[in-house]
């Protein structure tokens, strides 16, 4: 009788788990197929809505808010102009996201790719992210989480066992400078990085190189020295991401002011010089 009751209870737990899995939904603002810069191989990248930072150069300002938003796009056909309204931000369940990856599976498998969760900041929806990571790994996909590093430690603990790779932003070491340009402290970002390294996570560090913020030698050397003290086989690479104006046109749509107006991209020669700084520690 006791064994029968335990079996019934276990069955009930399984039913509840499956129900929660099927009904859980996350808010995304974009899905890009056939991406090649968000981890190894060809990937599907899912952009989660909501971000705790307010970086003045953000390429995806429509992804900052935690709610869906209506935007008006002006389209031209010849000399005529038309205004088209659309909603940015849609809820998806986990199986819908799995279905998107399934359509690209041949390319993913042939290239050694996978799926990447970006944003915004995906850890702001940590429970949905965790469940989606588990489901994707059940399907055999390599998983990557692209994070700003600014999240509660508990959220990293929740997803750390379920992702193959972290793409981890380090923008600046100096706390005051970081607060001025992103709106939040760098202390939590750096502490979480140490937590992941000590926990054995695989990490690719991503450093956006932004004019007027960290495009000087002193700032770059500070990041290099921080990473140099922590180099180990868990750090799989260091990528420098040069500033570009791709997202500037999105600001008026999302009702935000573009504060980088007039800033020019950084010269390739300067980026190459900074890459040399980091190449030295990667070869240790």
C-alpha atoms as a PDB file:
ATOM      1  CA  UNK A   1       0.000   0.000   0.000  1.00  0.00           C
ATOM      2  CA  UNK A   2       2.788   2.434   0.942  1.00  0.00           C
ATOM      3  CA  UNK A   3       4.689   1.616  -2.271  1.00  0.00           C
ATOM      4  CA  UNK A   4       1.521   2.211  -4.289  1.00  0.00           C
ATOM      5  CA  UNK A   5       0.973   5.604  -2.600  1.00  0.00           C
ATOM      6  CA  UNK A   6       4.576   6.621  -3.252  1.00  0.00           C
ATOM      7  CA  UNK A   7       4.224   5.649  -6.901  1.00  0.00           C
ATOM      8  CA  UNK A   8       1.040   7.684  -7.188  1.00  0.00           C
ATOM      9  CA  UNK A   9       2.737  10.668  -5.546  1.00  0.00           C
ATOM     10  CA  UNK A  10       5.718  10.400  -7.901  1.00  0.00           C
ATOM     11  CA  UNK A  11       3.339  10.254 -10.870  1.00  0.00           C
ATOM     12  CA  UNK A  12       1.554  13.362  -9.613  1.00  0.00           C
ATOM     13  CA  UNK A  13       4.841  15.252  -9.314  1.00  0.00           C
ATOM     14  CA  UNK A  14       5.728  14.291 -12.899  1.00  0.00           C
ATOM     15  CA  UNK A  15       2.350  15.529 -14.158  1.00  0.00           C
ATOM     16  CA  UNK A  16       2.771  18.848 -12.305  1.00  0.00           C
ATOM     17  CA  UNK A  17       6.316  19.252 -13.651  1.00  0.00           C
ATOM     18  CA  UNK A  18       5.210  18.615 -17.236  1.00  0.00           C
ATOM     19  CA  UNK A  19       2.280  21.011 -16.821  1.00  0.00           C
ATOM     20  CA  UNK A  20       4.552  23.775 -15.514  1.00  0.00           C
ATOM     21  CA  UNK A  21       7.013  23.120 -18.322  1.00  0.00           C
ATOM     22  CA  UNK A  22       4.329  23.376 -20.985  1.00  0.00           C
ATOM     23  CA  UNK A  23       2.669  26.489 -19.533  1.00  0.00           C
ATOM     24  CA  UNK A  24       5.792  28.474 -18.602  1.00  0.00           C
ATOM     25  CA  UNK A  25       6.346  31.392 -20.953  1.00  0.00           C
ATOM     26  CA  UNK A  26       9.157  33.884 -21.503  1.00  0.00           C
ATOM     27  CA  UNK A  27       9.160  37.338 -23.083  1.00  0.00           C
ATOM     28  CA  UNK A  28      11.464  37.759 -26.100  1.00  0.00           C
ATOM     29  CA  UNK A  29      11.928  40.657 -28.494  1.00  0.00           C
ATOM     30  CA  UNK A  30      13.750  38.862 -31.310  1.00  0.00           C
ATOM     31  CA  UNK A  31      14.974  35.513 -32.588  1.00  0.00           C
ATOM     32  CA  UNK A  32      17.805  35.377 -35.097  1.00  0.00           C
ATOM     33  CA  UNK A  33      18.607  32.293 -37.107  1.00  0.00           C
ATOM     34  CA  UNK A  34      21.935  31.429 -38.716  1.00  0.00           C
ATOM     35  CA  UNK A  35      24.020  33.605 -36.364  1.00  0.00           C
ATOM     36  CA  UNK A  36      27.785  33.053 -36.287  1.00  0.00           C
ATOM     37  CA  UNK A  37      29.019  35.485 -33.619  1.00  0.00           C
ATOM     38  CA  UNK A  38      27.214  34.190 -30.520  1.00  0.00           C
ATOM     39  CA  UNK A  39      29.233  31.064 -29.819  1.00  0.00           C
ATOM     40  CA  UNK A  40      30.796  28.280 -31.897  1.00  0.00           C
ATOM     41  CA  UNK A  41      29.325  27.297 -35.251  1.00  0.00           C
ATOM     42  CA  UNK A  42      25.978  28.311 -36.691  1.00  0.00           C
ATOM     43  CA  UNK A  43      23.404  29.097 -34.022  1.00  0.00           C
ATOM     44  CA  UNK A  44      19.923  30.291 -33.239  1.00  0.00           C
ATOM     45  CA  UNK A  45      20.039  33.287 -30.877  1.00  0.00           C
ATOM     46  CA  UNK A  46      17.061  34.121 -28.669  1.00  0.00           C
ATOM     47  CA  UNK A  47      16.854  37.687 -27.353  1.00  0.00           C
ATOM     48  CA  UNK A  48      15.152  37.939 -23.959  1.00  0.00           C
ATOM     49  CA  UNK A  49      13.422  41.194 -23.067  1.00  0.00           C
ATOM     50  CA  UNK A  50      14.506  43.138 -19.989  1.00  0.00           C
ATOM     51  CA  UNK A  51      17.918  44.457 -18.925  1.00  0.00           C
ATOM     52  CA  UNK A  52      19.138  45.929 -15.607  1.00  0.00           C
ATOM     53  CA  UNK A  53      21.713  48.106 -17.369  1.00  0.00           C
ATOM     54  CA  UNK A  54      21.184  51.279 -19.363  1.00  0.00           C
ATOM     55  CA  UNK A  55      24.385  51.390 -21.438  1.00  0.00           C
ATOM     56  CA  UNK A  56      24.399  54.587 -23.474  1.00  0.00           C
ATOM     57  CA  UNK A  57      25.621  52.723 -26.581  1.00  0.00           C
ATOM     58  CA  UNK A  58      23.124  49.840 -26.353  1.00  0.00           C
ATOM     59  CA  UNK A  59      22.516  48.226 -29.745  1.00  0.00           C
ATOM     60  CA  UNK A  60      19.146  46.813 -28.680  1.00  0.00           C
ATOM     61  CA  UNK A  61      17.313  49.588 -26.792  1.00  0.00           C
ATOM     62  CA  UNK A  62      13.999  47.900 -27.572  1.00  0.00           C
ATOM     63  CA  UNK A  63      15.150  45.034 -25.350  1.00  0.00           C
ATOM     64  CA  UNK A  64      15.708  47.067 -22.170  1.00  0.00           C
ATOM     65  CA  UNK A  65      12.156  47.302 -20.820  1.00  0.00           C
ATOM     66  CA  UNK A  66      10.508  44.267 -19.224  1.00  0.00           C
ATOM     67  CA  UNK A  67       7.164  44.674 -20.986  1.00  0.00           C
ATOM     68  CA  UNK A  68       5.950  44.518 -24.569  1.00  0.00           C
ATOM     69  CA  UNK A  69       5.866  47.908 -26.274  1.00  0.00           C
ATOM     70  CA  UNK A  70       4.230  49.377 -29.357  1.00  0.00           C
ATOM     71  CA  UNK A  71       6.498  51.160 -31.838  1.00  0.00           C
ATOM     72  CA  UNK A  72       5.772  53.035 -35.047  1.00  0.00           C
ATOM     73  CA  UNK A  73       8.020  52.391 -38.027  1.00  0.00           C
ATOM     74  CA  UNK A  74       8.104  54.752 -40.996  1.00  0.00           C
ATOM     75  CA  UNK A  75       8.402  52.898 -44.297  1.00  0.00           C
ATOM     76  CA  UNK A  76       8.913  54.424 -47.721  1.00  0.00           C
ATOM     77  CA  UNK A  77       7.622  53.206 -51.059  1.00  0.00           C
ATOM     78  CA  UNK A  78       8.956  55.570 -53.695  1.00  0.00           C
ATOM     79  CA  UNK A  79       8.082  59.074 -52.507  1.00  0.00           C
ATOM     80  CA  UNK A  80       5.242  57.877 -50.269  1.00  0.00           C
ATOM     81  CA  UNK A  81       5.680  57.369 -46.517  1.00  0.00           C
ATOM     82  CA  UNK A  82       3.667  54.931 -44.435  1.00  0.00           C
ATOM     83  CA  UNK A  83       3.602  54.483 -40.664  1.00  0.00           C
ATOM     84  CA  UNK A  84       3.371  50.906 -39.509  1.00  0.00           C
ATOM     85  CA  UNK A  85       2.658  50.020 -35.873  1.00  0.00           C
ATOM     86  CA  UNK A  86       4.059  46.844 -34.367  1.00  0.00           C
ATOM     87  CA  UNK A  87       4.503  45.327 -30.931  1.00  0.00           C
ATOM     88  CA  UNK A  88       8.041  44.590 -29.719  1.00  0.00           C
ATOM     89  CA  UNK A  89       8.040  41.715 -27.265  1.00  0.00           C
ATOM     90  CA  UNK A  90       6.173  38.429 -27.537  1.00  0.00           C
ATOM     91  CA  UNK A  91       5.647  35.587 -25.116  1.00  0.00           C
ATOM     92  CA  UNK A  92       6.845  32.132 -26.126  1.00  0.00           C
ATOM     93  CA  UNK A  93       6.590  28.773 -24.466  1.00  0.00           C
ATOM     94  CA  UNK A  94       9.576  26.445 -24.364  1.00  0.00           C
ATOM     95  CA  UNK A  95       8.399  24.118 -27.128  1.00  0.00           C
ATOM     96  CA  UNK A  96       8.016  27.052 -29.527  1.00  0.00           C
ATOM     97  CA  UNK A  97      11.677  27.897 -28.975  1.00  0.00           C
ATOM     98  CA  UNK A  98      12.673  24.270 -29.470  1.00  0.00           C
ATOM     99  CA  UNK A  99      10.711  24.208 -32.740  1.00  0.00           C
ATOM    100  CA  UNK A 100      12.665  27.215 -34.055  1.00  0.00           C
ATOM    101  CA  UNK A 101      15.962  25.443 -33.372  1.00  0.00           C
ATOM    102  CA  UNK A 102      14.683  22.233 -34.947  1.00  0.00           C
ATOM    103  CA  UNK A 103      14.158  24.000 -38.285  1.00  0.00           C
ATOM    104  CA  UNK A 104      17.846  24.969 -38.318  1.00  0.00           C
ATOM    105  CA  UNK A 105      19.146  21.675 -36.937  1.00  0.00           C
ATOM    106  CA  UNK A 106      20.982  20.482 -40.088  1.00  0.00           C
ATOM    107  CA  UNK A 107      23.050  23.688 -40.195  1.00  0.00           C
ATOM    108  CA  UNK A 108      23.638  23.632 -36.436  1.00  0.00           C
ATOM    109  CA  UNK A 109      24.861  20.041 -36.453  1.00  0.00           C
ATOM    110  CA  UNK A 110      27.060  20.363 -39.551  1.00  0.00           C
ATOM    111  CA  UNK A 111      28.825  23.429 -38.122  1.00  0.00           C
ATOM    112  CA  UNK A 112      29.171  22.304 -34.505  1.00  0.00           C
ATOM    113  CA  UNK A 113      26.833  25.100 -33.459  1.00  0.00           C
ATOM    114  CA  UNK A 114      23.963  25.366 -31.020  1.00  0.00           C
ATOM    115  CA  UNK A 115      21.581  27.819 -29.388  1.00  0.00           C
ATOM    116  CA  UNK A 116      22.379  31.061 -27.561  1.00  0.00           C
ATOM    117  CA  UNK A 117      20.274  33.046 -25.106  1.00  0.00           C
ATOM    118  CA  UNK A 118      20.967  36.765 -25.188  1.00  0.00           C
ATOM    119  CA  UNK A 119      19.098  39.990 -24.531  1.00  0.00           C
ATOM    120  CA  UNK A 120      18.549  42.248 -22.863  1.00  0.00           C
ATOM    121  CA  UNK A 121      19.690  40.137 -19.942  1.00  0.00           C
ATOM    122  CA  UNK A 122      18.399  36.555 -20.051  1.00  0.00           C
ATOM    123  CA  UNK A 123      19.055  35.967 -16.354  1.00  0.00           C
ATOM    124  CA  UNK A 124      16.220  38.391 -15.549  1.00  0.00           C
ATOM    125  CA  UNK A 125      13.979  35.484 -16.584  1.00  0.00           C
ATOM    126  CA  UNK A 126      16.141  32.891 -14.859  1.00  0.00           C
ATOM    127  CA  UNK A 127      13.533  30.195 -14.171  1.00  0.00           C
ATOM    128  CA  UNK A 128      12.273  30.215 -17.761  1.00  0.00           C
ATOM    129  CA  UNK A 129      15.882  30.296 -18.965  1.00  0.00           C
ATOM    130  CA  UNK A 130      16.787  27.309 -16.805  1.00  0.00           C
ATOM    131  CA  UNK A 131      13.858  25.237 -18.063  1.00  0.00           C
ATOM    132  CA  UNK A 132      14.625  26.150 -21.670  1.00  0.00           C
ATOM    133  CA  UNK A 133      18.303  25.249 -21.271  1.00  0.00           C
ATOM    134  CA  UNK A 134      17.368  21.865 -19.825  1.00  0.00           C
ATOM    135  CA  UNK A 135      14.979  21.212 -22.704  1.00  0.00           C
ATOM    136  CA  UNK A 136      17.510  22.275 -25.346  1.00  0.00           C
ATOM    137  CA  UNK A 137      20.154  20.009 -23.874  1.00  0.00           C
ATOM    138  CA  UNK A 138      17.674  17.137 -23.888  1.00  0.00           C
ATOM    139  CA  UNK A 139      17.497  17.743 -27.648  1.00  0.00           C
ATOM    140  CA  UNK A 140      21.296  17.576 -27.859  1.00  0.00           C
ATOM    141  CA  UNK A 141      22.043  21.260 -28.507  1.00  0.00           C
ATOM    142  CA  UNK A 142      25.170  23.072 -27.342  1.00  0.00           C
ATOM    143  CA  UNK A 143      23.893  25.950 -25.194  1.00  0.00           C
ATOM    144  CA  UNK A 144      25.365  29.395 -24.539  1.00  0.00           C
ATOM    145  CA  UNK A 145      24.188  32.256 -22.323  1.00  0.00           C
ATOM    146  CA  UNK A 146      25.222  35.787 -23.286  1.00  0.00           C
ATOM    147  CA  UNK A 147      25.148  37.845 -20.087  1.00  0.00           C
ATOM    148  CA  UNK A 148      26.054  41.298 -18.821  1.00  0.00           C
ATOM    149  CA  UNK A 149      27.117  39.646 -15.573  1.00  0.00           C
ATOM    150  CA  UNK A 150      24.798  41.887 -13.573  1.00  0.00           C
ATOM    151  CA  UNK A 151      22.423  39.455 -11.893  1.00  0.00           C
ATOM    152  CA  UNK A 152      21.814  37.924  -8.507  1.00  0.00           C
ATOM    153  CA  UNK A 153      24.264  35.149  -7.614  1.00  0.00           C
ATOM    154  CA  UNK A 154      21.321  32.783  -7.129  1.00  0.00           C
ATOM    155  CA  UNK A 155      20.351  33.209 -10.768  1.00  0.00           C
ATOM    156  CA  UNK A 156      23.802  32.106 -11.925  1.00  0.00           C
ATOM    157  CA  UNK A 157      23.647  29.145  -9.565  1.00  0.00           C
ATOM    158  CA  UNK A 158      20.300  28.192 -11.093  1.00  0.00           C
ATOM    159  CA  UNK A 159      21.486  28.020 -14.707  1.00  0.00           C
ATOM    160  CA  UNK A 160      25.186  27.206 -14.336  1.00  0.00           C
ATOM    161  CA  UNK A 161      24.728  23.403 -14.444  1.00  0.00           C
ATOM    162  CA  UNK A 162      22.658  23.618 -17.618  1.00  0.00           C
ATOM    163  CA  UNK A 163      24.694  25.727 -20.038  1.00  0.00           C
ATOM    164  CA  UNK A 164      27.743  24.699 -22.037  1.00  0.00           C
ATOM    165  CA  UNK A 165      29.209  28.200 -22.298  1.00  0.00           C
ATOM    166  CA  UNK A 166      28.900  31.724 -20.937  1.00  0.00           C
ATOM    167  CA  UNK A 167      29.540  34.743 -23.162  1.00  0.00           C
ATOM    168  CA  UNK A 168      30.417  37.224 -20.431  1.00  0.00           C
ATOM    169  CA  UNK A 169      30.631  40.999 -20.837  1.00  0.00           C
ATOM    170  CA  UNK A 170      33.297  42.927 -18.948  1.00  0.00           C
ATOM    171  CA  UNK A 171      32.911  46.585 -19.821  1.00  0.00           C
ATOM    172  CA  UNK A 172      35.083  48.435 -17.315  1.00  0.00           C
ATOM    173  CA  UNK A 173      36.940  47.729 -14.088  1.00  0.00           C
ATOM    174  CA  UNK A 174      36.498  51.183 -12.555  1.00  0.00           C
ATOM    175  CA  UNK A 175      33.239  51.258 -10.606  1.00  0.00           C
ATOM    176  CA  UNK A 176      32.525  54.983 -10.959  1.00  0.00           C
ATOM    177  CA  UNK A 177      33.088  54.889 -14.712  1.00  0.00           C
ATOM    178  CA  UNK A 178      30.925  51.790 -15.033  1.00  0.00           C
ATOM    179  CA  UNK A 179      28.075  53.411 -13.088  1.00  0.00           C
ATOM    180  CA  UNK A 180      28.273  56.588 -15.180  1.00  0.00           C
ATOM    181  CA  UNK A 181      27.887  54.806 -18.514  1.00  0.00           C
ATOM    182  CA  UNK A 182      25.792  51.738 -17.642  1.00  0.00           C
ATOM    183  CA  UNK A 183      23.813  52.846 -14.584  1.00  0.00           C
ATOM    184  CA  UNK A 184      25.013  49.987 -12.365  1.00  0.00           C
ATOM    185  CA  UNK A 185      28.075  48.968 -10.360  1.00  0.00           C
ATOM    186  CA  UNK A 186      30.876  46.891 -11.863  1.00  0.00           C
ATOM    187  CA  UNK A 187      31.474  45.197  -8.504  1.00  0.00           C
ATOM    188  CA  UNK A 188      28.706  42.620  -8.953  1.00  0.00           C
ATOM    189  CA  UNK A 189      29.809  41.892 -12.532  1.00  0.00           C
ATOM    190  CA  UNK A 190      33.379  41.170 -11.440  1.00  0.00           C
ATOM    191  CA  UNK A 191      32.332  39.138  -8.396  1.00  0.00           C
ATOM    192  CA  UNK A 192      30.024  36.983 -10.526  1.00  0.00           C
ATOM    193  CA  UNK A 193      32.833  36.432 -12.996  1.00  0.00           C
ATOM    194  CA  UNK A 194      35.033  35.097 -10.187  1.00  0.00           C
ATOM    195  CA  UNK A 195      32.163  32.869  -9.062  1.00  0.00           C
ATOM    196  CA  UNK A 196      31.834  31.311 -12.525  1.00  0.00           C
ATOM    197  CA  UNK A 197      35.585  30.802 -12.922  1.00  0.00           C
ATOM    198  CA  UNK A 198      35.864  29.191  -9.493  1.00  0.00           C
ATOM    199  CA  UNK A 199      32.814  27.052 -10.269  1.00  0.00           C
ATOM    200  CA  UNK A 200      34.431  25.632 -13.410  1.00  0.00           C
ATOM    201  CA  UNK A 201      32.203  27.276 -16.023  1.00  0.00           C
ATOM    202  CA  UNK A 202      33.476  27.670 -19.583  1.00  0.00           C
ATOM    203  CA  UNK A 203      33.607  31.367 -20.467  1.00  0.00           C
ATOM    204  CA  UNK A 204      34.318  33.565 -23.467  1.00  0.00           C
ATOM    205  CA  UNK A 205      34.920  37.125 -22.285  1.00  0.00           C
ATOM    206  CA  UNK A 206      33.436  39.862 -24.465  1.00  0.00           C
ATOM    207  CA  UNK A 207      34.694  43.427 -24.151  1.00  0.00           C
ATOM    208  CA  UNK A 208      32.773  46.158 -26.004  1.00  0.00           C
ATOM    209  CA  UNK A 209      35.221  48.888 -27.030  1.00  0.00           C
ATOM    210  CA  UNK A 210      33.300  52.146 -26.737  1.00  0.00           C
ATOM    211  CA  UNK A 211      34.617  55.626 -27.653  1.00  0.00           C
ATOM    212  CA  UNK A 212      34.791  57.937 -24.655  1.00  0.00           C
ATOM    213  CA  UNK A 213      34.200  55.084 -22.225  1.00  0.00           C
ATOM    214  CA  UNK A 214      36.931  52.455 -22.342  1.00  0.00           C
ATOM    215  CA  UNK A 215      38.780  52.988 -25.626  1.00  0.00           C
ATOM    216  CA  UNK A 216      41.926  54.208 -23.855  1.00  0.00           C
ATOM    217  CA  UNK A 217      44.996  52.139 -23.051  1.00  0.00           C
ATOM    218  CA  UNK A 218      44.627  52.521 -19.277  1.00  0.00           C
ATOM    219  CA  UNK A 219      41.115  51.051 -19.283  1.00  0.00           C
ATOM    220  CA  UNK A 220      42.095  48.162 -21.534  1.00  0.00           C
ATOM    221  CA  UNK A 221      45.148  47.330 -19.439  1.00  0.00           C
ATOM    222  CA  UNK A 222      43.015  47.306 -16.293  1.00  0.00           C
ATOM    223  CA  UNK A 223      40.727  44.670 -17.858  1.00  0.00           C
ATOM    224  CA  UNK A 224      43.760  42.728 -19.093  1.00  0.00           C
ATOM    225  CA  UNK A 225      45.317  42.707 -15.625  1.00  0.00           C
ATOM    226  CA  UNK A 226      42.023  41.611 -14.039  1.00  0.00           C
ATOM    227  CA  UNK A 227      41.759  38.698 -16.470  1.00  0.00           C
ATOM    228  CA  UNK A 228      45.481  37.928 -16.338  1.00  0.00           C
ATOM    229  CA  UNK A 229      45.208  37.190 -12.612  1.00  0.00           C
ATOM    230  CA  UNK A 230      42.418  34.687 -13.341  1.00  0.00           C
ATOM    231  CA  UNK A 231      43.584  32.969 -16.504  1.00  0.00           C
ATOM    232  CA  UNK A 232      42.862  29.263 -16.573  1.00  0.00           C
ATOM    233  CA  UNK A 233      41.669  26.672 -19.055  1.00  0.00           C
ATOM    234  CA  UNK A 234      38.027  27.623 -18.336  1.00  0.00           C
ATOM    235  CA  UNK A 235      38.485  30.976 -20.129  1.00  0.00           C
ATOM    236  CA  UNK A 236      38.074  29.909 -23.752  1.00  0.00           C
ATOM    237  CA  UNK A 237      38.630  33.259 -25.437  1.00  0.00           C
ATOM    238  CA  UNK A 238      38.577  37.045 -25.185  1.00  0.00           C
ATOM    239  CA  UNK A 239      36.642  38.911 -27.876  1.00  0.00           C
ATOM    240  CA  UNK A 240      36.816  42.654 -28.448  1.00  0.00           C
ATOM    241  CA  UNK A 241      33.593  44.074 -29.858  1.00  0.00           C
ATOM    242  CA  UNK A 242      34.146  47.434 -31.611  1.00  0.00           C
ATOM    243  CA  UNK A 243      31.444  50.086 -31.231  1.00  0.00           C
ATOM    244  CA  UNK A 244      29.097  50.476 -34.189  1.00  0.00           C
ATOM    245  CA  UNK A 245      26.002  52.544 -34.912  1.00  0.00           C
ATOM    246  CA  UNK A 246      23.786  49.679 -36.055  1.00  0.00           C
ATOM    247  CA  UNK A 247      21.210  50.234 -33.331  1.00  0.00           C
ATOM    248  CA  UNK A 248      21.079  54.040 -33.479  1.00  0.00           C
ATOM    249  CA  UNK A 249      17.919  54.103 -35.598  1.00  0.00           C
ATOM    250  CA  UNK A 250      16.026  52.098 -32.975  1.00  0.00           C
ATOM    251  CA  UNK A 251      16.192  54.823 -30.335  1.00  0.00           C
ATOM    252  CA  UNK A 252      13.492  57.070 -31.759  1.00  0.00           C
ATOM    253  CA  UNK A 253      11.221  54.031 -32.125  1.00  0.00           C
ATOM    254  CA  UNK A 254      11.619  53.150 -28.457  1.00  0.00           C
ATOM    255  CA  UNK A 255      11.313  56.744 -27.244  1.00  0.00           C
ATOM    256  CA  UNK A 256      14.911  56.991 -26.054  1.00  0.00           C
ATOM    257  CA  UNK A 257      17.587  59.575 -26.728  1.00  0.00           C
ATOM    258  CA  UNK A 258      20.690  58.331 -28.537  1.00  0.00           C
ATOM    259  CA  UNK A 259      23.569  59.723 -26.459  1.00  0.00           C
ATOM    260  CA  UNK A 260      26.322  58.467 -28.778  1.00  0.00           C
ATOM    261  CA  UNK A 261      25.388  60.808 -31.638  1.00  0.00           C
ATOM    262  CA  UNK A 262      28.514  61.993 -33.424  1.00  0.00           C
ATOM    263  CA  UNK A 263      30.757  59.250 -32.021  1.00  0.00           C
ATOM    264  CA  UNK A 264      32.798  57.517 -34.686  1.00  0.00           C
ATOM    265  CA  UNK A 265      33.804  53.845 -34.804  1.00  0.00           C
ATOM    266  CA  UNK A 266      37.243  53.080 -33.423  1.00  0.00           C
ATOM    267  CA  UNK A 267      40.030  52.596 -35.971  1.00  0.00           C
ATOM    268  CA  UNK A 268      40.906  49.006 -36.855  1.00  0.00           C
ATOM    269  CA  UNK A 269      44.542  49.674 -35.985  1.00  0.00           C
ATOM    270  CA  UNK A 270      43.559  50.622 -32.427  1.00  0.00           C
ATOM    271  CA  UNK A 271      41.410  47.518 -32.036  1.00  0.00           C
ATOM    272  CA  UNK A 272      44.298  45.378 -33.322  1.00  0.00           C
ATOM    273  CA  UNK A 273      46.636  46.940 -30.758  1.00  0.00           C
ATOM    274  CA  UNK A 274      44.227  46.093 -27.942  1.00  0.00           C
ATOM    275  CA  UNK A 275      43.790  42.553 -29.245  1.00  0.00           C
ATOM    276  CA  UNK A 276      47.545  42.146 -28.903  1.00  0.00           C
ATOM    277  CA  UNK A 277      47.290  43.074 -25.226  1.00  0.00           C
ATOM    278  CA  UNK A 278      44.872  40.240 -24.594  1.00  0.00           C
ATOM    279  CA  UNK A 279      46.556  37.735 -26.883  1.00  0.00           C
ATOM    280  CA  UNK A 280      49.557  37.821 -24.577  1.00  0.00           C
ATOM    281  CA  UNK A 281      47.588  36.568 -21.558  1.00  0.00           C
ATOM    282  CA  UNK A 282      45.677  33.985 -23.584  1.00  0.00           C
ATOM    283  CA  UNK A 283      48.991  32.409 -24.594  1.00  0.00           C
ATOM    284  CA  UNK A 284      50.227  32.049 -20.986  1.00  0.00           C
END
